[in-house]
Amino acid sequence: MNQSEHPLKSWIPYKLDLKNDDSLLCKWLNTFNKPYIEPFFDETISKCKALDQHILKFISAADLRVLEDWAAGIEKVEPTAFIFHISRCGSTLVSQLLGMNEQNISLAEVPFFDDILRLPLKKSDVKELYTGKLLSAAIKFYGQRRFGTETNLFIKTDSWHVFYYKKIRQLYPEVPFVFLYRTPDEVFNSHLKKSGMQAVQGLIEPELFGLDNVEVVHMPQREYIAKMIERYLEMYLEIIESDKLSLFLDYKEGIIPIVKKIAAFTKVEIDEDELSTMENRIQYHSKYPNEAFSEKKVISVIPELERAFELYGKMEIK
């Protein structure tokens, strides 16, 4: 079926409705071919919803079970790379730079992908195998060739999706995986200043990090953040030993060199004009594109990070 004939051209599944005990509902959104340029995809959704509500006066929803069937025949771009990260390590800016080329679709932390991956933690009767099929179908919708120029699809995951590494690798055995990381103290201090979801006890299921629910409730935030960083680095060390299609990059290498290495690893060309545009973009904040970027190095000894620095040291010699 030609993409122009597909009834759901430009539509995406964007949210699960878990309130119904009898069935799982999936809410749909017309993107109206809006480019995906926001730092995070939830911002893109908000802008698309504003367009949707202005034109359409009803909510579009369907049983989740139709997702696979509806994805059939849609013209899409296969994933070029998945970008994993331990948070606060430049992944947002990397994703934005990759998305500046009209040939690239760059998806930054799509909430619906997270909904699917964490669904078994919320609905015990949902099987892991089923969520794999749902994720694959969802990626087809988000990777639609909407403008006719797209040839590459970069998917930046949420940081905790590294714990779904095996599932995603099974779905995409031949796709390059990129893993971004940073010194533990810089990640730690960034989360103390402004905590992400994963740095607040209970917002992400503790079992996903291999932590005890009861223990986490009474754990000081500093200790919790340190444990989180440890678990990320432990997973990285496991993966680096076995995955030959993986690339590990440290924030200290610099954003432009990181993008160049990702491009080389995925066989995507970047010309001099693109590099010049990227150089201009990195002068501004990744999450607040209108603000000039500045960064102060905080030097401090953090006892909670002793184990994390041991793991980081092992990463550096791999």
Protein backbone atom coordinates (compact mmCIF):
# COMPACT_ATOMS: atom_id res chain seq x y z
CA MET A 1 0.00 0.00 0.00
CA ASN A 2 1.33 3.41 -0.98
CA GLN A 3 1.91 5.78 1.96
CA SER A 4 -0.42 8.36 0.43
CA GLU A 5 -3.20 5.78 0.55
CA HIS A 6 -2.64 4.71 4.14
CA PRO A 7 -5.59 5.92 6.24
CA LEU A 8 -3.32 6.72 9.20
CA LYS A 9 -0.70 8.70 7.34
CA SER A 10 0.80 11.27 9.78
CA TRP A 11 -1.06 9.73 12.76
CA ILE A 12 0.77 8.31 15.78
CA PRO A 13 -0.31 6.30 18.82
CA TYR A 14 0.71 8.57 21.67
CA LYS A 15 -0.81 7.40 24.97
CA LEU A 16 -2.13 4.28 26.68
CA ASP A 17 -5.34 4.45 28.69
CA LEU A 18 -5.12 1.86 31.48
CA LYS A 19 -8.36 2.79 33.23
CA ASN A 20 -10.49 0.21 31.42
CA ASP A 21 -10.21 -3.24 33.01
CA ASP A 22 -11.67 -5.02 29.99
CA SER A 23 -9.33 -3.68 27.34
CA LEU A 24 -6.31 -1.47 26.83
CA LEU A 25 -7.09 1.65 24.88
CA CYS A 26 -4.59 3.52 22.76
CA LYS A 27 -5.06 7.22 22.04
CA TRP A 28 -4.13 8.51 18.60
CA LEU A 29 -2.93 11.90 17.45
CA ASN A 30 -2.64 13.54 14.06
CA THR A 31 0.77 15.19 13.75
CA PHE A 32 -0.36 17.17 10.70
CA ASN A 33 3.15 16.51 9.38
CA LYS A 34 4.67 18.77 12.01
CA PRO A 35 8.48 18.30 12.05
CA TYR A 36 9.85 16.62 15.18
CA ILE A 37 12.23 19.35 16.33
CA GLU A 38 11.48 19.83 20.04
CA PRO A 39 14.10 18.74 22.63
CA PHE A 40 11.73 16.05 23.96
CA PHE A 41 8.90 14.30 22.19
CA ASP A 42 6.35 15.11 24.89
CA GLU A 43 6.74 18.75 23.81
CA THR A 44 6.04 17.72 20.22
CA ILE A 45 2.90 15.93 21.40
CA SER A 46 1.69 19.05 23.22
CA LYS A 47 2.05 21.14 20.07
CA CYS A 48 0.34 18.51 17.91
CA LYS A 49 -2.52 18.23 20.42
CA ALA A 50 -3.06 21.97 20.18
CA LEU A 51 -3.40 21.61 16.43
CA ASP A 52 -5.61 18.56 16.83
CA GLN A 53 -8.02 20.18 19.27
CA HIS A 54 -8.31 23.24 17.07
CA ILE A 55 -9.39 21.19 14.05
CA LEU A 56 -11.01 18.13 15.59
CA LYS A 57 -13.45 18.22 18.49
CA PHE A 58 -13.19 14.58 19.57
CA ILE A 59 -10.64 12.19 21.05
CA SER A 60 -9.36 9.42 18.78
CA ALA A 61 -8.86 6.09 20.55
CA ALA A 62 -8.87 2.39 19.70
CA ASP A 63 -8.19 -0.97 21.27
CA LEU A 64 -4.44 -1.50 21.61
CA ARG A 65 -4.75 -4.89 19.92
CA VAL A 66 -5.24 -3.26 16.51
CA LEU A 67 -1.85 -1.53 16.60
CA GLU A 68 0.03 -4.31 14.80
CA ASP A 69 -2.57 -4.66 12.06
CA TRP A 70 -2.80 -0.92 11.51
CA ALA A 71 0.99 -0.64 11.16
CA ALA A 72 0.97 -3.02 8.19
CA GLY A 73 1.61 -1.31 4.88
CA ILE A 74 2.72 2.01 6.28
CA GLU A 75 5.73 3.50 4.50
CA LYS A 76 8.39 3.88 7.14
CA VAL A 77 12.10 4.24 7.75
CA GLU A 78 13.81 1.40 9.58
CA PRO A 79 15.81 2.37 12.70
CA THR A 80 19.33 3.57 11.94
CA ALA A 81 20.43 3.54 15.58
CA PHE A 82 19.12 3.49 19.13
CA ILE A 83 20.80 6.00 21.44
CA PHE A 84 20.93 4.97 25.10
CA HIS A 85 22.26 7.27 27.81
CA ILE A 86 22.73 7.50 31.56
CA SER A 87 21.06 10.95 31.66
CA ARG A 88 22.65 14.41 31.66
CA CYS A 89 25.34 13.33 29.21
CA GLY A 90 24.54 15.35 26.11
CA SER A 91 22.01 12.97 24.56
CA THR A 92 19.35 15.66 24.10
CA LEU A 93 21.70 17.88 22.12
CA VAL A 94 23.05 14.94 20.12
CA SER A 95 19.49 13.98 19.20
CA GLN A 96 18.71 17.54 18.11
CA LEU A 97 21.83 17.82 15.98
CA LEU A 98 21.03 14.57 14.21
CA GLY A 99 17.51 15.84 13.56
CA MET A 100 18.67 19.00 11.79
CA ASN A 101 19.11 17.12 8.51
CA GLU A 102 15.80 16.62 6.68
CA GLN A 103 16.93 13.10 5.79
CA ASN A 104 16.93 12.16 9.48
CA ILE A 105 14.01 11.45 11.78
CA SER A 106 15.23 11.99 15.32
CA LEU A 107 12.93 10.83 18.12
CA ALA A 108 13.79 12.02 21.62
CA GLU A 109 12.32 9.99 24.49
CA VAL A 110 8.93 9.08 23.02
CA PRO A 111 6.46 8.65 25.93
CA PHE A 112 4.49 5.96 24.07
CA PHE A 113 7.57 3.74 23.77
CA ASP A 114 8.00 4.02 27.54
CA ASP A 115 4.31 3.22 28.07
CA ILE A 116 4.72 0.00 26.12
CA LEU A 117 7.99 -1.12 27.69
CA ARG A 118 6.75 -0.56 31.25
CA LEU A 119 3.27 -1.93 30.59
CA PRO A 120 3.96 -5.35 32.22
CA LEU A 121 4.96 -3.52 35.42
CA LYS A 122 1.52 -1.92 35.50
CA LYS A 123 -0.56 -4.78 34.07
CA SER A 124 0.74 -8.16 35.23
CA ASP A 125 -1.35 -10.04 32.67
CA VAL A 126 0.48 -8.36 29.77
CA LYS A 127 3.29 -10.56 28.46
CA GLU A 128 6.77 -9.31 27.59
CA LEU A 129 6.63 -10.95 24.15
CA TYR A 130 3.47 -9.00 23.35
CA THR A 131 5.03 -5.67 24.31
CA GLY A 132 7.89 -6.39 21.93
CA LYS A 133 5.44 -6.70 19.05
CA LEU A 134 3.67 -3.53 20.15
CA LEU A 135 6.93 -1.59 20.32
CA SER A 136 7.93 -2.70 16.84
CA ALA A 137 4.54 -1.62 15.47
CA ALA A 138 4.69 1.73 17.28
CA ILE A 139 8.15 2.48 15.89
CA LYS A 140 6.75 2.01 12.38
CA PHE A 141 4.24 4.79 12.98
CA TYR A 142 6.82 7.14 14.47
CA GLY A 143 9.25 6.35 11.68
CA GLN A 144 6.80 7.24 8.92
CA ARG A 145 8.26 8.75 5.78
CA ARG A 146 6.02 11.81 5.94
CA PHE A 147 7.94 14.18 3.67
CA GLY A 148 9.58 11.80 1.21
CA THR A 149 13.13 12.85 2.17
CA GLU A 150 13.65 10.64 5.23
CA THR A 151 16.22 7.85 5.02
CA ASN A 152 17.45 7.55 8.63
CA LEU A 153 15.71 7.04 11.97
CA PHE A 154 17.51 7.78 15.23
CA ILE A 155 15.71 6.79 18.43
CA LYS A 156 16.92 8.28 21.70
CA THR A 157 15.51 6.20 24.53
CA ASP A 158 14.69 7.20 28.08
CA SER A 159 17.71 6.56 30.29
CA TRP A 160 16.09 3.62 32.11
CA HIS A 161 15.41 1.84 28.83
CA VAL A 162 18.92 0.42 29.02
CA PHE A 163 17.32 -2.16 31.31
CA TYR A 164 15.23 -3.22 28.30
CA TYR A 165 18.37 -3.64 26.24
CA LYS A 166 17.87 -7.38 25.64
CA LYS A 167 14.28 -6.90 24.46
CA ILE A 168 15.22 -4.11 22.05
CA ARG A 169 18.27 -6.00 20.79
CA GLN A 170 16.13 -9.07 20.07
CA LEU A 171 13.76 -6.90 18.04
CA TYR A 172 16.59 -5.18 16.14
CA PRO A 173 19.59 -7.54 16.05
CA GLU A 174 21.35 -5.71 13.20
CA VAL A 175 20.79 -2.10 14.29
CA PRO A 176 23.71 -0.16 15.83
CA PHE A 177 23.29 0.80 19.48
CA VAL A 178 24.98 3.91 20.88
CA PHE A 179 25.58 4.35 24.61
CA LEU A 180 26.38 7.80 26.03
CA TYR A 181 27.77 8.35 29.51
CA ARG A 182 29.50 10.90 31.71
CA THR A 183 31.51 11.13 34.93
CA PRO A 184 29.32 10.09 37.90
CA ASP A 185 29.80 13.34 39.81
CA GLU A 186 28.56 15.47 36.90
CA VAL A 187 25.46 13.32 36.50
CA PHE A 188 24.92 13.30 40.27
CA ASN A 189 25.22 17.08 40.69
CA SER A 190 22.94 17.73 37.73
CA HIS A 191 20.18 15.60 39.26
CA LEU A 192 20.62 17.27 42.66
CA LYS A 193 20.15 20.62 40.96
CA LYS A 194 17.13 19.53 38.93
CA SER A 195 15.99 15.94 39.34
CA GLY A 196 14.83 13.86 36.43
CA MET A 197 12.06 11.26 36.83
CA GLN A 198 14.56 8.48 37.42
CA ALA A 199 16.19 10.41 40.27
CA VAL A 200 13.00 10.66 42.34
CA GLN A 201 12.07 7.57 44.34
CA GLY A 202 8.92 5.89 43.12
CA LEU A 203 8.41 7.70 39.81
CA ILE A 204 10.06 4.80 37.99
CA GLU A 205 9.43 1.30 39.34
CA PRO A 206 12.39 0.45 41.66
CA GLU A 207 12.46 -3.17 40.45
CA LEU A 208 13.52 -1.91 37.05
CA PHE A 209 16.76 -0.76 38.68
CA GLY A 210 17.01 -3.96 40.69
CA LEU A 211 16.16 -2.13 43.91
CA ASP A 212 13.81 -3.11 46.72
CA ASN A 213 10.55 -1.13 46.91
CA VAL A 214 10.54 -0.81 50.69
CA GLU A 215 14.22 0.06 50.89
CA VAL A 216 13.87 2.80 48.27
CA VAL A 217 11.09 4.58 50.20
CA HIS A 218 13.43 5.23 53.13
CA MET A 219 16.56 5.85 51.08
CA PRO A 220 18.02 9.40 51.08
CA GLN A 221 17.90 10.95 47.63
CA ARG A 222 21.69 11.25 47.42
CA GLU A 223 22.07 7.53 47.99
CA TYR A 224 19.26 6.76 45.56
CA ILE A 225 20.83 8.82 42.76
CA ALA A 226 24.18 7.14 43.39
CA LYS A 227 22.55 3.68 43.17
CA MET A 228 20.85 4.70 39.94
CA ILE A 229 24.16 5.72 38.37
CA GLU A 230 25.76 2.48 39.54
CA ARG A 231 23.07 0.40 37.88
CA TYR A 232 23.44 2.27 34.60
CA LEU A 233 27.19 1.71 34.53
CA GLU A 234 26.84 -1.93 35.55
CA MET A 235 24.52 -2.49 32.59
CA TYR A 236 26.92 -0.71 30.27
CA LEU A 237 29.77 -2.96 31.39
CA GLU A 238 27.65 -6.04 30.73
CA ILE A 239 26.73 -4.87 27.26
CA ILE A 240 30.20 -3.74 26.23
CA GLU A 241 31.49 -7.28 26.71
CA SER A 242 29.01 -8.95 24.38
CA ASP A 243 27.51 -6.52 21.86
CA LYS A 244 29.71 -5.98 18.81
CA LEU A 245 27.22 -3.53 17.29
CA SER A 246 27.58 -1.07 20.16
CA LEU A 247 29.42 2.22 20.47
CA PHE A 248 30.21 3.79 23.85
CA LEU A 249 30.93 7.52 24.01
CA ASP A 250 31.89 9.74 26.95
CA TYR A 251 30.51 13.28 27.21
CA LYS A 252 34.02 14.63 27.75
CA GLU A 253 34.86 13.79 24.12
CA GLY A 254 32.75 16.78 23.05
CA ILE A 255 29.35 16.92 21.36
CA ILE A 256 30.54 17.47 17.78
CA PRO A 257 33.12 14.63 17.94
CA ILE A 258 30.40 12.41 19.42
CA VAL A 259 28.01 13.21 16.56
CA LYS A 260 30.78 12.55 14.03
CA LYS A 261 31.50 9.17 15.59
CA ILE A 262 27.81 8.24 15.60
CA ALA A 263 27.56 9.25 11.94
CA ALA A 264 30.60 7.15 11.02
CA PHE A 265 29.32 4.21 13.07
CA THR A 266 25.93 4.30 11.35
CA LYS A 267 27.34 5.19 7.90
CA VAL A 268 25.45 8.48 7.77
CA GLU A 269 27.18 11.34 5.95
CA ILE A 270 27.53 14.82 7.46
CA ASP A 271 28.78 17.58 5.17
CA GLU A 272 30.65 20.75 6.10
CA ASP A 273 27.55 22.94 5.95
CA GLU A 274 25.80 20.66 8.45
CA LEU A 275 28.80 20.74 10.76
CA SER A 276 28.83 24.53 10.63
CA THR A 277 25.14 24.63 11.55
CA MET A 278 25.77 22.17 14.37
CA GLU A 279 28.64 24.28 15.71
CA ASN A 280 26.27 27.23 15.93
CA ARG A 281 23.55 25.16 17.63
CA ILE A 282 25.80 23.87 20.42
CA GLN A 283 26.32 27.43 21.64
CA TYR A 284 22.78 27.23 23.04
CA HIS A 285 21.16 25.09 25.72
CA SER A 286 19.89 21.71 24.51
CA LYS A 287 16.63 21.90 26.46
CA TYR A 288 16.14 25.66 26.09
CA PRO A 289 17.29 26.49 22.54
CA ASN A 290 16.93 30.25 23.00
CA GLU A 291 19.31 30.36 25.98
CA ALA A 292 23.09 30.58 25.57
CA PHE A 293 24.78 27.51 27.01
CA SER A 294 27.21 27.79 29.90
CA GLU A 295 28.47 25.10 32.20
CA LYS A 296 30.36 25.34 35.46
CA LYS A 297 32.36 22.38 36.67
CA VAL A 298 31.53 21.59 40.30
CA ILE A 299 34.51 20.02 42.01
CA SER A 300 33.61 18.07 45.12
CA VAL A 301 34.19 14.75 46.82
CA ILE A 302 30.98 12.74 46.96
CA PRO A 303 31.27 9.68 49.24
CA GLU A 304 28.13 8.08 47.80
CA LEU A 305 29.82 7.78 44.40
CA GLU A 306 32.77 5.60 45.35
CA ARG A 307 31.29 2.50 43.68
CA ALA A 308 30.09 4.49 40.66
CA PHE A 309 33.58 5.87 40.04
CA GLU A 310 35.00 2.34 40.20
CA LEU A 311 32.58 1.32 37.46
CA TYR A 312 33.29 4.46 35.45
CA GLY A 313 37.00 3.68 35.65
CA LYS A 314 36.35 0.26 34.16
CA MET A 315 34.40 1.89 31.33
CA GLU A 316 37.37 4.10 30.55
CA ILE A 317 39.76 1.17 30.01
CA LYS A 318 37.39 -0.90 27.87
